[in-house]
């Protein structure tokens, strides 16, 4: 059966291509700045950040919520940007790795990652840093076992885990 014989046209017009849901106006507050954009309801927060706002620090690793490379904060809580619909973030504060440094100075966790060589390829680093900051704020960094457990959602394919834990310990101890 060819394509023409499988299309039933009742009014004499050519069939139109099917389309997804229309875009809807959304205002995303990202790193303290409001961004008004049109988004389809099914667009992930990660894709909105990277493709619509040009904030490419958060990475798309697995696109299934298993690697943590896309970790950002929504209202101060860690979330996986690839599993979060952008439209659900309207009226909430989104923070990405680009919003972590203040006034040109790296966040202490960013600096510790550099000092401890806590990355090799660097692909997972933004998600690792975003999780590590919250790990300390949540009070879940009291031991290396706790750090490993509460960072387990962030995978480093280069296996820089000892250096990542060292960076987290440094920031934890400096904050105490």
Protein backbone atom coordinates (compact mmCIF):
# COMPACT_ATOMS: atom_id res chain seq x y z
CA UNK A 1 0.00 0.00 0.00
CA UNK A 2 1.42 3.39 -0.93
CA UNK A 3 1.07 6.55 1.14
CA UNK A 4 -1.56 8.15 -1.09
CA UNK A 5 -3.89 5.20 -0.82
CA UNK A 6 -3.56 5.21 2.99
CA UNK A 7 -4.64 8.84 3.35
CA UNK A 8 -8.37 9.43 3.30
CA UNK A 9 -9.29 12.90 2.09
CA UNK A 10 -12.96 13.77 2.33
CA UNK A 11 -13.01 17.46 1.46
CA UNK A 12 -10.57 17.55 -1.44
CA UNK A 13 -7.78 19.31 0.50
CA UNK A 14 -4.31 17.89 1.03
CA UNK A 15 -3.70 16.55 4.53
CA UNK A 16 -1.74 18.82 6.84
CA UNK A 17 1.23 17.74 8.88
CA UNK A 18 0.38 16.88 12.43
CA UNK A 19 1.75 19.22 15.08
CA UNK A 20 2.33 19.08 18.79
CA UNK A 21 0.69 21.36 21.31
CA UNK A 22 1.00 25.06 20.59
CA UNK A 23 3.43 27.12 22.55
CA UNK A 24 2.20 28.94 25.61
CA UNK A 25 3.71 32.07 27.17
CA UNK A 26 5.79 31.22 30.22
CA UNK A 27 7.95 33.41 32.42
CA UNK A 28 10.89 31.57 33.94
CA UNK A 29 12.84 33.22 36.74
CA UNK A 30 16.37 31.93 36.23
CA UNK A 31 19.37 33.07 38.24
CA UNK A 32 17.44 36.10 39.46
CA UNK A 33 16.31 37.23 36.00
CA UNK A 34 12.85 36.88 34.44
CA UNK A 35 12.67 35.38 30.94
CA UNK A 36 9.37 35.51 29.00
CA UNK A 37 9.30 32.77 26.36
CA UNK A 38 6.78 30.62 24.48
CA UNK A 39 7.11 26.93 25.24
CA UNK A 40 5.22 23.80 24.36
CA UNK A 41 3.92 22.21 27.58
CA UNK A 42 6.08 19.11 27.06
CA UNK A 43 9.45 20.94 26.95
CA UNK A 44 11.79 19.94 29.76
CA UNK A 45 13.38 22.55 31.98
CA UNK A 46 16.78 21.39 30.74
CA UNK A 47 15.84 21.94 27.09
CA UNK A 48 14.31 25.35 27.87
CA UNK A 49 17.48 26.42 29.69
CA UNK A 50 19.87 25.16 27.02
CA UNK A 51 17.95 25.74 23.80
CA UNK A 52 15.80 28.78 24.57
CA UNK A 53 17.85 30.70 27.15
CA UNK A 54 21.36 29.74 26.06
CA UNK A 55 22.32 28.52 29.54
CA UNK A 56 24.36 25.50 28.51
CA UNK A 57 26.13 24.76 31.81
CA UNK A 58 23.63 22.06 32.79
CA UNK A 59 24.29 19.03 30.63
CA UNK A 60 22.09 16.44 28.98
CA UNK A 61 23.72 13.15 29.86
CA UNK A 62 21.12 10.42 29.85
CA UNK A 63 17.85 12.35 29.40
CA UNK A 64 16.28 9.75 31.73
CA UNK A 65 17.06 11.12 35.19
CA UNK A 66 19.78 8.61 36.02
CA UNK A 67 23.06 10.53 35.66
CA UNK A 68 22.49 13.89 37.42
CA UNK A 69 24.37 15.97 34.83
CA UNK A 70 21.30 18.20 34.49
CA UNK A 71 20.93 18.98 38.21
CA UNK A 72 19.63 22.51 38.89
CA UNK A 73 17.74 24.05 41.80
CA UNK A 74 14.07 24.97 41.78
CA UNK A 75 13.09 27.03 44.81
CA UNK A 76 16.35 25.96 46.45
CA UNK A 77 15.83 22.21 46.00
CA UNK A 78 17.82 19.96 43.69
CA UNK A 79 15.89 18.73 40.68
CA UNK A 80 16.75 16.90 37.49
CA UNK A 81 16.18 19.35 34.66
CA UNK A 82 15.59 16.58 32.12
CA UNK A 83 12.62 15.23 34.11
CA UNK A 84 11.09 18.57 35.09
CA UNK A 85 8.62 20.26 32.75
CA UNK A 86 9.59 23.88 32.22
CA UNK A 87 5.99 25.11 32.52
CA UNK A 88 5.83 23.77 36.09
CA UNK A 89 8.62 26.17 37.04
CA UNK A 90 6.70 29.34 36.27
CA UNK A 91 6.59 31.50 39.39
CA UNK A 92 9.46 29.58 40.96
CA UNK A 93 13.14 30.46 41.22
CA UNK A 94 15.45 28.35 39.06
CA UNK A 95 19.19 28.40 39.74
CA UNK A 96 21.73 26.94 37.34
CA UNK A 97 25.49 26.57 37.56
CA UNK A 98 25.74 29.93 35.77
CA UNK A 99 23.99 31.56 38.74
CA UNK A 100 26.29 30.12 41.40
CA UNK A 101 29.20 32.55 41.10
CA UNK A 102 28.54 36.00 42.54
CA UNK A 103 30.13 39.27 41.44
CA UNK A 104 32.73 37.44 39.36
CA UNK A 105 33.86 35.23 42.25
CA UNK A 106 33.47 31.49 42.09
CA UNK A 107 31.32 29.79 44.69
CA UNK A 108 33.51 28.02 47.29
CA UNK A 109 32.39 24.66 45.89
CA UNK A 110 33.44 25.65 42.38
CA UNK A 111 36.83 26.74 43.71
CA UNK A 112 37.23 23.52 45.72
CA UNK A 113 36.49 21.41 42.63
CA UNK A 114 39.32 23.21 40.84
CA UNK A 115 41.74 22.91 43.76
CA UNK A 116 41.03 19.20 44.25
CA UNK A 117 40.99 18.36 40.55
CA UNK A 118 37.49 16.98 41.10
CA UNK A 119 36.78 16.52 37.42
CA UNK A 120 38.45 15.06 34.39
CA UNK A 121 36.29 15.50 31.32
CA UNK A 122 34.09 18.00 33.18
CA UNK A 123 30.80 16.90 31.66
CA UNK A 124 29.18 15.95 34.97
CA UNK A 125 30.82 18.79 36.92
CA UNK A 126 27.96 21.36 36.84
CA UNK A 127 25.47 18.79 38.18
CA UNK A 128 27.99 17.51 40.72
CA UNK A 129 28.63 21.03 42.03
CA UNK A 130 24.92 21.92 42.22
CA UNK A 131 24.25 18.73 44.20
CA UNK A 132 27.31 19.16 46.40
CA UNK A 133 26.29 22.65 47.53
CA UNK A 134 22.84 21.40 48.53
CA UNK A 135 24.28 18.28 50.14
CA UNK A 136 26.08 20.47 52.67
CA UNK A 137 23.08 22.78 53.15
CA UNK A 138 20.87 19.72 53.78
CA UNK A 139 23.28 18.49 56.47
CA UNK A 140 24.05 15.26 54.61
CA UNK A 141 27.83 15.58 54.39
CA UNK A 142 28.94 14.41 57.83
CA UNK A 143 30.94 11.41 56.55
CA UNK A 144 32.35 10.05 53.31
CA UNK A 145 29.65 7.37 53.39
CA UNK A 146 26.95 10.05 53.67
CA UNK A 147 28.52 12.06 50.87
CA UNK A 148 28.66 8.96 48.64
CA UNK A 149 25.06 8.06 49.45
CA UNK A 150 23.56 11.53 48.97
CA UNK A 151 25.62 12.21 45.82
CA UNK A 152 24.77 8.81 44.31
CA UNK A 153 22.36 10.42 41.84
CA UNK A 154 25.29 12.19 40.19
CA UNK A 155 27.42 9.86 38.12
CA UNK A 156 31.00 10.63 37.10
CA UNK A 157 32.03 8.36 34.24
CA UNK A 158 35.67 9.40 34.78
CA UNK A 159 35.50 8.12 38.39
CA UNK A 160 36.78 11.30 40.05
CA UNK A 161 34.80 10.41 43.19
CA UNK A 162 37.70 10.63 45.71
CA UNK A 163 38.49 14.15 44.50
CA UNK A 164 34.81 15.14 44.49
CA UNK A 165 34.49 13.97 48.11
CA UNK A 166 37.67 15.88 49.03
CA UNK A 167 36.22 19.08 47.54
CA UNK A 168 32.95 18.59 49.42
CA UNK A 169 34.80 17.95 52.69
CA UNK A 170 36.83 21.13 52.24
CA UNK A 171 33.75 23.30 51.75
CA UNK A 172 31.90 21.50 54.56
CA UNK A 173 34.78 22.01 56.99
CA UNK A 174 35.24 25.67 56.03
CA UNK A 175 31.52 26.31 56.68
CA UNK A 176 31.62 24.68 60.13
